[in-house]
Amino acid sequence: MTDWRLVRDKVPAIMVAKGIVGSVDDPMFRKVEGVEFRNYLARKLWEEVGELLDDPNPEEFADVYEVLYSLARVVGVQQFDVQTERAAKYRARGGFYAGWLWVYDPEIAKTNLGYRSDPEVP
């Protein structure tokens, strides 16, 4: 079975330029679209998050961001909208910098009450 890996857009051309393959039409490449592309992006996201957790450095963070932005684009969500939503959530509920944990209560979750319906806190 062939283990296909999603690569950055310029990798096939780089491999041609280095003489590793003759052309981007080489059988070691294929393009995917639609649901298959989305699935490979999801798989790539897991791969990149794993690498980030193993070695948290700017390059790995950049790889995770790139896959997230590509996945958002494939499902029709614009980068601007993601950043706008992130900023709004940060203003309303903060980030994940302080390390707070909450004992999850399924009964509270079922009522859809709790922190999401609380008034805004400065």
Protein backbone atom coordinates (compact mmCIF):
# COMPACT_ATOMS: atom_id res chain seq x y z
CA MET A 1 0.00 0.00 0.00
CA THR A 2 1.26 3.47 -0.88
CA ASP A 3 1.58 5.95 1.97
CA TRP A 4 0.67 9.29 0.42
CA ARG A 5 1.76 12.38 2.35
CA LEU A 6 0.46 15.88 1.82
CA VAL A 7 3.35 18.23 1.00
CA ARG A 8 3.60 21.98 0.58
CA ASP A 9 2.62 23.33 -2.83
CA LYS A 10 6.14 24.00 -4.11
CA VAL A 11 7.67 20.65 -3.08
CA PRO A 12 7.01 18.87 -6.41
CA ALA A 13 8.67 21.70 -8.38
CA ILE A 14 11.59 21.76 -5.94
CA MET A 15 12.08 18.01 -6.43
CA VAL A 16 12.04 18.47 -10.21
CA ALA A 17 14.57 21.33 -9.97
CA LYS A 18 16.87 19.14 -7.85
CA GLY A 19 16.62 16.31 -10.38
CA ILE A 20 14.95 13.92 -7.92
CA VAL A 21 12.08 13.38 -10.37
CA GLY A 22 11.68 14.26 -14.03
CA SER A 23 8.42 16.22 -13.80
CA VAL A 24 5.45 16.92 -11.57
CA ASP A 25 3.60 14.34 -13.68
CA ASP A 26 5.79 11.63 -12.12
CA PRO A 27 3.69 8.86 -10.52
CA MET A 28 5.14 9.72 -7.12
CA PHE A 29 2.87 12.79 -7.12
CA ARG A 30 -0.88 13.16 -7.37
CA LYS A 31 -3.24 16.02 -6.63
CA VAL A 32 -6.28 15.63 -4.41
CA GLU A 33 -9.41 17.75 -4.14
CA GLY A 34 -12.63 18.01 -2.19
CA VAL A 35 -13.26 15.65 0.71
CA GLU A 36 -10.07 13.71 0.00
CA PHE A 37 -8.03 16.93 0.23
CA ARG A 38 -9.80 17.88 3.47
CA ASN A 39 -9.03 14.45 4.91
CA TYR A 40 -5.34 14.72 4.00
CA LEU A 41 -5.24 18.18 5.59
CA ALA A 42 -6.74 16.75 8.79
CA ARG A 43 -4.13 13.98 8.76
CA LYS A 44 -1.39 16.56 8.16
CA LEU A 45 -2.67 18.64 11.07
CA TRP A 46 -2.27 15.69 13.46
CA GLU A 47 1.22 15.08 12.07
CA GLU A 48 2.26 18.71 12.50
CA VAL A 49 0.78 19.01 16.00
CA GLY A 50 2.72 15.90 16.99
CA GLU A 51 5.95 17.44 15.68
CA LEU A 52 5.14 20.69 17.52
CA LEU A 53 4.63 18.86 20.81
CA ASP A 54 7.88 16.95 20.32
CA ASP A 55 9.86 20.11 19.51
CA PRO A 56 8.04 23.40 20.20
CA ASN A 57 9.82 25.91 17.98
CA PRO A 58 8.73 28.68 15.57
CA GLU A 59 9.07 26.43 12.50
CA GLU A 60 6.67 23.84 13.92
CA PHE A 61 4.18 26.52 15.00
CA ALA A 62 4.33 27.93 11.46
CA ASP A 63 3.59 24.48 10.01
CA VAL A 64 0.52 24.08 12.25
CA TYR A 65 -0.74 27.55 11.32
CA GLU A 66 -0.25 26.83 7.60
CA VAL A 67 -2.23 23.59 7.75
CA LEU A 68 -5.00 25.27 9.79
CA TYR A 69 -5.25 28.14 7.30
CA SER A 70 -5.36 25.69 4.39
CA LEU A 71 -8.01 23.55 6.09
CA ALA A 72 -10.11 26.63 6.82
CA ARG A 73 -9.83 27.72 3.17
CA VAL A 74 -10.86 24.27 1.89
CA VAL A 75 -14.03 24.33 3.98
CA GLY A 76 -14.81 27.92 2.97
CA VAL A 77 -13.66 29.85 6.03
CA GLN A 78 -11.49 32.91 5.38
CA GLN A 79 -8.34 33.64 7.40
CA PHE A 80 -9.72 37.10 8.27
CA ASP A 81 -12.86 35.53 9.74
CA VAL A 82 -10.77 33.13 11.84
CA GLN A 83 -8.68 36.01 13.22
CA THR A 84 -11.80 38.11 13.87
CA GLU A 85 -13.47 35.25 15.76
CA ARG A 86 -10.29 34.52 17.71
CA ALA A 87 -10.03 38.16 18.79
CA ALA A 88 -13.72 38.31 19.77
CA LYS A 89 -13.43 35.15 21.87
CA TYR A 90 -10.28 36.49 23.49
CA ARG A 91 -12.02 39.74 24.42
CA ALA A 92 -15.08 37.91 25.77
CA ARG A 93 -13.49 34.92 27.54
CA GLY A 94 -9.73 35.42 27.43
CA GLY A 95 -7.07 33.10 26.08
CA PHE A 96 -5.43 29.96 27.40
CA TYR A 97 -2.42 31.62 29.02
CA ALA A 98 -3.19 31.30 32.76
CA GLY A 99 -3.67 27.52 32.88
CA TRP A 100 -7.14 27.36 34.43
CA LEU A 101 -8.91 23.97 34.55
CA TRP A 102 -12.61 23.33 35.13
CA VAL A 103 -14.20 20.13 36.36
CA TYR A 104 -16.51 19.39 33.45
CA ASP A 105 -20.10 18.79 34.53
CA PRO A 106 -22.32 17.12 31.87
CA GLU A 107 -25.46 18.40 33.61
CA ILE A 108 -24.34 22.00 33.21
CA ALA A 109 -23.34 21.30 29.62
CA LYS A 110 -26.81 19.85 28.84
CA THR A 111 -28.54 23.03 29.97
CA ASN A 112 -26.21 25.16 27.81
CA LEU A 113 -25.76 27.46 30.78
CA GLY A 114 -22.57 28.30 32.55
CA TYR A 115 -19.68 30.40 31.32
CA ARG A 116 -20.97 30.87 27.78
CA SER A 117 -24.15 32.64 28.90
CA ASP A 118 -22.55 34.69 31.67
CA PRO A 119 -22.33 38.46 31.28
CA GLU A 120 -19.10 39.83 29.89
CA VAL A 121 -16.34 40.24 32.45
CA PRO A 122 -13.74 43.00 32.03
